[in-house]
């Protein structure tokens, strides 16, 4: 019996859904394995902090309640540690050798989250009050500082021969992260921000740490500097794709999934990538969005909805979705340089697909 064009299209769509579900399940399994391997090292490191810092860090990581009682709130997806371990394996090393590097990257990531929540005045993270809301601004900042130093100490005490180079890369990455965060904050005080500036900020603030995670994995596999740089480039492009999707979630995300109010980024007047694309596109829709951002008062629910609609009509949503796909394609080209054998890249690609396939 002949298959019609319509039936073939439905079959292709169904196949894509099945393959997507299989890839997602594989990536989630990778995250689970990474969390199981890295958590003991992470907990041992955090337990070495002074009690006051340990309590705040433990709360932020979802291990403790505000009163110090054990909690099962959860500590995030472990994407960055999973990238370290997958990169080590892809380049031909043993993932178990890179556990300390994976823990260090996760400590740096969480130090930035603690500080970001203070800077952005975010009230919730992972469906709980943020650490600064519970322990105060000073406590949250100092706990973040402690976690940053702890990350460097975890690597400095690692006897692995790649540790010194890893310390240098991670330290350079933190400087770049800070520069990206400073740029992000400065954008909120400026009327005009170009899309190129916004993309550069996103690479520093988000792409740098994912790139560092992949580079550290390569170093722990014994790779040379050129291979580590190619892996860094892969991670950076994944990071930009991640940020583009994250910015879409910041506008249209489901609060039940994100743990944050709908339109949180618009309410904060963040100049995220879709917003800047809309503002710089010209036309009536961009002008409407600019007027809402310039109003100088809290936006009502109706105004938040109008701002989101203006971003969409000005092309910000479609551009961000398309740009995310372009960044993924560029990432894959960098990965092919670092790991010529495509059979060794399955885990890295599964993680990359998970990062960019999030729904909102």
Protein backbone atom coordinates (compact mmCIF):
# COMPACT_ATOMS: atom_id res chain seq x y z
CA UNK A 1 0.00 0.00 0.00
CA UNK A 2 1.37 3.40 -1.00
CA UNK A 3 2.12 5.96 1.71
CA UNK A 4 0.75 9.44 1.05
CA UNK A 5 2.84 12.62 1.53
CA UNK A 6 0.71 13.54 4.54
CA UNK A 7 1.24 10.14 6.14
CA UNK A 8 4.99 10.35 5.49
CA UNK A 9 5.13 13.80 7.12
CA UNK A 10 3.30 12.52 10.19
CA UNK A 11 5.64 9.53 10.32
CA UNK A 12 8.69 11.81 10.17
CA UNK A 13 7.28 14.01 12.91
CA UNK A 14 6.53 10.99 15.10
CA UNK A 15 10.04 9.65 14.50
CA UNK A 16 11.55 13.00 15.48
CA UNK A 17 9.50 13.04 18.68
CA UNK A 18 10.62 9.51 19.58
CA UNK A 19 14.27 10.28 18.82
CA UNK A 20 14.03 13.52 20.78
CA UNK A 21 12.59 11.71 23.77
CA UNK A 22 15.35 9.09 23.55
CA UNK A 23 18.06 11.78 23.37
CA UNK A 24 16.52 13.60 26.32
CA UNK A 25 16.37 10.41 28.36
CA UNK A 26 20.04 9.72 27.55
CA UNK A 27 21.07 13.24 28.57
CA UNK A 28 19.08 13.09 31.80
CA UNK A 29 20.76 9.78 32.62
CA UNK A 30 24.14 11.46 32.03
CA UNK A 31 23.19 14.27 34.41
CA UNK A 32 22.10 11.77 37.02
CA UNK A 33 25.37 9.86 36.76
CA UNK A 34 27.39 13.07 36.92
CA UNK A 35 25.50 14.22 40.00
CA UNK A 36 26.04 10.85 41.71
CA UNK A 37 29.78 10.95 41.00
CA UNK A 38 30.43 14.63 41.74
CA UNK A 39 28.13 15.19 44.74
CA UNK A 40 30.39 13.41 47.27
CA UNK A 41 33.33 15.61 46.27
CA UNK A 42 31.11 18.68 46.29
CA UNK A 43 29.70 17.90 49.72
CA UNK A 44 33.15 17.17 51.14
CA UNK A 45 34.37 20.53 49.89
CA UNK A 46 31.39 22.49 51.24
CA UNK A 47 31.61 20.67 54.57
CA UNK A 48 35.11 22.11 54.99
CA UNK A 49 33.70 25.66 55.14
CA UNK A 50 33.11 27.46 58.43
CA UNK A 51 29.68 26.65 59.86
CA UNK A 52 28.04 29.94 58.88
CA UNK A 53 29.24 29.69 55.28
CA UNK A 54 28.45 25.97 55.12
CA UNK A 55 24.84 26.57 56.16
CA UNK A 56 24.24 29.23 53.51
CA UNK A 57 25.99 27.22 50.78
CA UNK A 58 24.12 24.08 51.83
CA UNK A 59 20.81 25.91 51.69
CA UNK A 60 21.59 27.37 48.26
CA UNK A 61 22.58 23.93 46.97
CA UNK A 62 19.31 22.42 48.22
CA UNK A 63 20.93 20.19 50.84
CA UNK A 64 19.71 22.11 53.91
CA UNK A 65 16.62 23.96 55.05
CA UNK A 66 16.98 27.49 56.36
CA UNK A 67 17.25 26.16 59.93
CA UNK A 68 20.02 23.74 58.96
CA UNK A 69 17.85 20.62 58.83
CA UNK A 70 18.49 18.22 55.92
CA UNK A 71 16.55 18.99 52.74
CA UNK A 72 15.80 17.19 49.50
CA UNK A 73 15.11 20.38 47.55
CA UNK A 74 17.69 19.56 44.89
CA UNK A 75 20.75 21.43 43.68
CA UNK A 76 20.22 21.94 39.96
CA UNK A 77 20.78 19.84 36.87
CA UNK A 78 24.60 19.43 37.06
CA UNK A 79 25.01 20.36 33.38
CA UNK A 80 28.49 21.82 33.85
CA UNK A 81 29.95 18.89 35.82
CA UNK A 82 28.42 16.52 33.27
CA UNK A 83 30.15 18.46 30.48
CA UNK A 84 33.51 18.13 32.26
CA UNK A 85 33.15 14.37 32.58
CA UNK A 86 31.76 13.88 29.05
CA UNK A 87 34.54 16.00 27.55
CA UNK A 88 37.16 13.96 29.39
CA UNK A 89 35.72 10.76 27.96
CA UNK A 90 35.32 12.17 24.45
CA UNK A 91 38.99 13.13 24.27
CA UNK A 92 40.04 9.68 25.47
CA UNK A 93 40.47 10.10 29.21
CA UNK A 94 38.85 8.57 32.27
CA UNK A 95 35.93 10.61 33.67
CA UNK A 96 36.73 9.50 37.22
CA UNK A 97 40.05 11.38 36.97
CA UNK A 98 38.20 14.68 36.41
CA UNK A 99 35.77 14.56 39.35
CA UNK A 100 37.61 17.32 41.24
CA UNK A 101 37.56 19.52 38.15
CA UNK A 102 33.83 18.89 37.75
CA UNK A 103 33.22 19.80 41.40
CA UNK A 104 35.27 22.98 41.03
CA UNK A 105 33.26 24.09 38.00
CA UNK A 106 30.00 23.47 39.88
CA UNK A 107 31.27 25.48 42.86
CA UNK A 108 32.07 28.42 40.56
CA UNK A 109 28.67 28.15 38.90
CA UNK A 110 26.90 28.31 42.24
CA UNK A 111 29.05 31.17 43.47
CA UNK A 112 27.87 33.17 40.45
CA UNK A 113 24.24 32.22 41.13
CA UNK A 114 24.47 33.46 44.72
CA UNK A 115 25.84 36.78 43.52
CA UNK A 116 23.46 37.04 40.56
CA UNK A 117 20.46 36.64 42.85
CA UNK A 118 21.69 39.54 44.98
CA UNK A 119 22.45 41.76 41.99
CA UNK A 120 19.14 40.98 40.26
CA UNK A 121 17.16 41.03 43.53
CA UNK A 122 15.61 37.70 42.56
CA UNK A 123 13.32 36.33 45.25
CA UNK A 124 13.18 32.67 44.22
CA UNK A 125 15.52 30.03 42.85
CA UNK A 126 14.63 26.37 42.37
CA UNK A 127 11.19 27.05 43.84
CA UNK A 128 12.58 28.35 47.16
CA UNK A 129 13.44 31.80 48.52
CA UNK A 130 16.91 32.83 47.38
CA UNK A 131 19.75 32.69 49.90
CA UNK A 132 19.96 36.47 50.29
CA UNK A 133 16.25 36.59 51.17
CA UNK A 134 16.83 34.02 53.93
CA UNK A 135 20.28 34.93 55.25
CA UNK A 136 20.66 38.51 54.10
CA UNK A 137 22.67 40.16 51.35
CA UNK A 138 25.96 40.11 53.25
CA UNK A 139 25.68 36.42 54.08
CA UNK A 140 24.87 35.43 50.51
CA UNK A 141 27.73 37.47 49.04
CA UNK A 142 30.28 36.12 51.50
CA UNK A 143 29.09 32.53 51.00
CA UNK A 144 29.54 33.04 47.25
CA UNK A 145 33.05 34.40 47.81
CA UNK A 146 33.85 31.35 49.96
CA UNK A 147 32.59 28.96 47.28
CA UNK A 148 34.75 30.70 44.66
CA UNK A 149 37.87 30.28 46.79
CA UNK A 150 36.86 26.71 47.58
CA UNK A 151 36.68 25.89 43.86
CA UNK A 152 40.26 27.02 43.34
CA UNK A 153 41.42 25.11 46.42
CA UNK A 154 39.75 21.91 45.20
CA UNK A 155 41.79 22.13 42.01
CA UNK A 156 44.99 23.34 43.68
CA UNK A 157 44.97 20.27 45.95
CA UNK A 158 44.35 17.86 43.06
CA UNK A 159 47.48 15.78 42.35
CA UNK A 160 46.45 15.30 38.71
CA UNK A 161 49.10 16.74 36.31
CA UNK A 162 46.46 18.87 34.56
CA UNK A 163 45.48 20.66 37.78
CA UNK A 164 47.83 23.70 37.45
CA UNK A 165 46.61 24.46 33.92
CA UNK A 166 43.02 23.91 35.11
CA UNK A 167 43.47 26.42 37.95
CA UNK A 168 44.70 29.04 35.50
CA UNK A 169 41.83 28.43 33.09
CA UNK A 170 39.22 28.53 35.83
CA UNK A 171 40.68 31.71 37.35
CA UNK A 172 40.70 33.41 33.93
CA UNK A 173 37.13 32.22 33.42
CA UNK A 174 35.98 33.84 36.68
CA UNK A 175 37.48 37.16 35.62
CA UNK A 176 35.58 36.89 32.34
CA UNK A 177 32.38 35.97 34.18
CA UNK A 178 32.72 39.08 36.34
CA UNK A 179 33.26 41.24 33.25
CA UNK A 180 30.14 39.77 31.68
CA UNK A 181 28.10 40.38 34.81
CA UNK A 182 29.35 43.97 35.04
CA UNK A 183 28.36 44.56 31.42
CA UNK A 184 24.93 43.03 32.05
CA UNK A 185 24.34 45.36 35.00
CA UNK A 186 25.59 48.40 33.08
CA UNK A 187 23.11 47.71 30.28
CA UNK A 188 20.22 48.36 32.65
CA UNK A 189 21.45 51.94 33.09
CA UNK A 190 21.78 52.61 29.38
CA UNK A 191 19.09 53.52 26.89
CA UNK A 192 20.94 52.09 23.90
CA UNK A 193 22.59 48.66 23.80
CA UNK A 194 23.66 47.00 20.55
CA UNK A 195 23.01 43.36 19.76
CA UNK A 196 26.77 42.80 19.34
CA UNK A 197 27.37 44.11 22.86
CA UNK A 198 24.64 41.88 24.22
CA UNK A 199 26.04 38.79 22.49
CA UNK A 200 29.53 39.55 23.82
CA UNK A 201 28.11 39.92 27.31
CA UNK A 202 26.28 36.60 27.03
CA UNK A 203 29.44 34.85 25.87
CA UNK A 204 31.33 36.15 28.90
CA UNK A 205 28.56 35.64 31.44
CA UNK A 206 27.27 32.23 30.29
CA UNK A 207 29.41 30.82 27.50
CA UNK A 208 32.72 31.20 29.31
CA UNK A 209 31.95 28.71 32.08
CA UNK A 210 30.51 26.06 29.77
CA UNK A 211 33.55 26.50 27.57
CA UNK A 212 35.84 26.20 30.59
CA UNK A 213 34.03 23.03 31.69
CA UNK A 214 34.68 21.39 28.32
CA UNK A 215 38.29 22.62 28.20
CA UNK A 216 39.01 21.28 31.70
CA UNK A 217 37.63 17.92 30.67
CA UNK A 218 39.97 17.88 27.70
CA UNK A 219 42.97 18.84 29.85
CA UNK A 220 42.21 16.05 32.31
CA UNK A 221 42.28 13.65 29.37
CA UNK A 222 45.81 14.79 28.53
CA UNK A 223 44.82 16.92 25.52
CA UNK A 224 47.09 19.62 24.11
CA UNK A 225 46.24 23.33 24.26
CA UNK A 226 44.79 23.39 20.73
CA UNK A 227 42.31 20.62 21.54
CA UNK A 228 41.38 22.27 24.83
CA UNK A 229 40.77 25.55 22.97
CA UNK A 230 38.52 23.81 20.43
CA UNK A 231 36.56 22.23 23.28
CA UNK A 232 36.33 25.64 24.93
CA UNK A 233 34.91 27.06 21.70
CA UNK A 234 32.37 24.22 21.56
CA UNK A 235 31.22 24.95 25.09
CA UNK A 236 31.01 28.69 24.49
CA UNK A 237 28.68 28.22 21.53
CA UNK A 238 26.56 25.83 23.57
CA UNK A 239 26.53 28.48 26.29
CA UNK A 240 25.24 31.11 23.88
CA UNK A 241 22.55 28.74 22.64
CA UNK A 242 21.68 28.06 26.28
CA UNK A 243 21.46 31.79 27.05
CA UNK A 244 19.23 32.46 24.07
CA UNK A 245 16.77 29.81 25.23
CA UNK A 246 17.10 30.99 28.83
CA UNK A 247 16.20 34.51 27.75
CA UNK A 248 13.10 33.18 26.00
CA UNK A 249 12.19 31.36 29.21
CA UNK A 250 12.72 34.62 31.13
CA UNK A 251 9.91 36.15 29.08
CA UNK A 252 7.56 33.28 28.30
CA UNK A 253 8.56 30.65 30.87
CA UNK A 254 5.97 28.71 32.85
CA UNK A 255 6.30 29.67 36.56
CA UNK A 256 5.45 26.09 37.51
CA UNK A 257 8.65 25.00 35.72
CA UNK A 258 10.94 28.00 36.24
CA UNK A 259 10.00 28.81 39.84
CA UNK A 260 9.93 32.50 38.86
CA UNK A 261 6.99 34.83 38.08
CA UNK A 262 5.86 35.03 34.47
CA UNK A 263 7.70 37.75 32.56
CA UNK A 264 10.30 38.11 35.32
CA UNK A 265 12.96 39.50 32.97
CA UNK A 266 10.56 42.04 31.50
CA UNK A 267 9.47 43.14 34.97
CA UNK A 268 13.14 43.72 35.81
CA UNK A 269 13.61 45.51 32.46
CA UNK A 270 16.49 43.22 31.60
CA UNK A 271 18.05 43.85 28.23
CA UNK A 272 18.09 40.18 27.30
CA UNK A 273 18.95 39.03 23.80
CA UNK A 274 15.37 38.82 22.41
CA UNK A 275 14.59 42.20 23.96
CA UNK A 276 17.66 43.91 22.49
CA UNK A 277 16.92 42.39 19.09
CA UNK A 278 13.39 43.81 19.31
CA UNK A 279 14.58 47.22 20.52
CA UNK A 280 17.14 47.55 17.72
CA UNK A 281 14.90 46.20 14.95
CA UNK A 282 13.09 49.52 14.55
CA UNK A 283 9.42 49.95 13.78
CA UNK A 284 6.34 50.49 15.91
CA UNK A 285 6.71 47.28 17.91
CA UNK A 286 10.22 48.14 19.05
CA UNK A 287 9.09 51.67 19.91
CA UNK A 288 6.22 50.29 21.99
CA UNK A 289 8.63 48.07 23.91
CA UNK A 290 11.07 50.96 24.40
CA UNK A 291 8.29 53.12 25.83
CA UNK A 292 7.29 50.43 28.32
CA UNK A 293 10.94 49.97 29.39
CA UNK A 294 11.35 53.74 29.80
CA UNK A 295 8.20 54.21 31.91
CA UNK A 296 10.16 54.17 35.18
CA UNK A 297 7.45 52.40 37.18
CA UNK A 298 6.52 48.79 37.87
CA UNK A 299 4.76 47.25 34.89
CA UNK A 300 1.26 45.90 35.41
CA UNK A 301 0.37 42.34 34.35
CA UNK A 302 -1.32 43.78 31.27
CA UNK A 303 1.78 45.83 30.43
CA UNK A 304 4.03 42.81 30.92
CA UNK A 305 1.85 40.88 28.48
CA UNK A 306 2.01 43.82 26.03
CA UNK A 307 5.81 43.95 26.35
CA UNK A 308 6.10 40.23 25.64
CA UNK A 309 3.83 40.59 22.64
CA UNK A 310 5.89 43.52 21.36
CA UNK A 311 9.10 41.45 21.59
CA UNK A 312 7.38 38.70 19.62
CA UNK A 313 5.97 41.01 16.95
CA UNK A 314 9.32 42.77 16.55
CA UNK A 315 10.93 39.41 15.76
CA UNK A 316 12.87 38.92 18.99
CA UNK A 317 11.38 35.52 19.71
CA UNK A 318 11.91 34.07 16.24
CA UNK A 319 15.42 35.51 16.00
CA UNK A 320 16.47 34.01 19.35
CA UNK A 321 15.14 30.59 18.35
CA UNK A 322 16.94 30.70 15.00
CA UNK A 323 20.17 32.06 16.49
CA UNK A 324 20.18 29.26 19.03
CA UNK A 325 20.12 26.72 16.19
CA UNK A 326 22.95 28.57 14.42
CA UNK A 327 25.06 28.49 17.57
CA UNK A 328 24.48 24.76 17.90
CA UNK A 329 25.70 24.22 14.36
CA UNK A 330 28.84 26.26 15.06
CA UNK A 331 29.41 24.32 18.28
CA UNK A 332 29.32 21.02 16.40
CA UNK A 333 31.94 22.29 13.94
CA UNK A 334 34.29 23.12 16.83
CA UNK A 335 33.66 19.72 18.39
CA UNK A 336 34.61 17.99 15.15
CA UNK A 337 38.02 19.71 15.34
CA UNK A 338 38.59 18.59 18.93
CA UNK A 339 37.21 15.06 18.51
CA UNK A 340 37.40 13.88 14.89
CA UNK A 341 35.74 10.54 15.71
CA UNK A 342 31.99 11.30 15.82
CA UNK A 343 31.26 8.13 17.79
CA UNK A 344 33.09 9.63 20.77
CA UNK A 345 30.92 12.76 20.84
CA UNK A 346 27.53 11.19 21.58
CA UNK A 347 27.42 12.19 25.25
CA UNK A 348 28.52 15.76 24.63
CA UNK A 349 25.98 16.18 21.85
CA UNK A 350 23.21 14.68 24.01
CA UNK A 351 23.98 17.24 26.73
CA UNK A 352 24.10 20.05 24.19
CA UNK A 353 20.73 19.03 22.78
CA UNK A 354 19.24 18.93 26.27
CA UNK A 355 20.50 22.43 26.99
CA UNK A 356 18.94 23.87 23.85
CA UNK A 357 15.76 21.80 23.74
CA UNK A 358 14.27 23.17 26.96
CA UNK A 359 10.63 24.17 26.72
CA UNK A 360 8.99 27.30 27.97
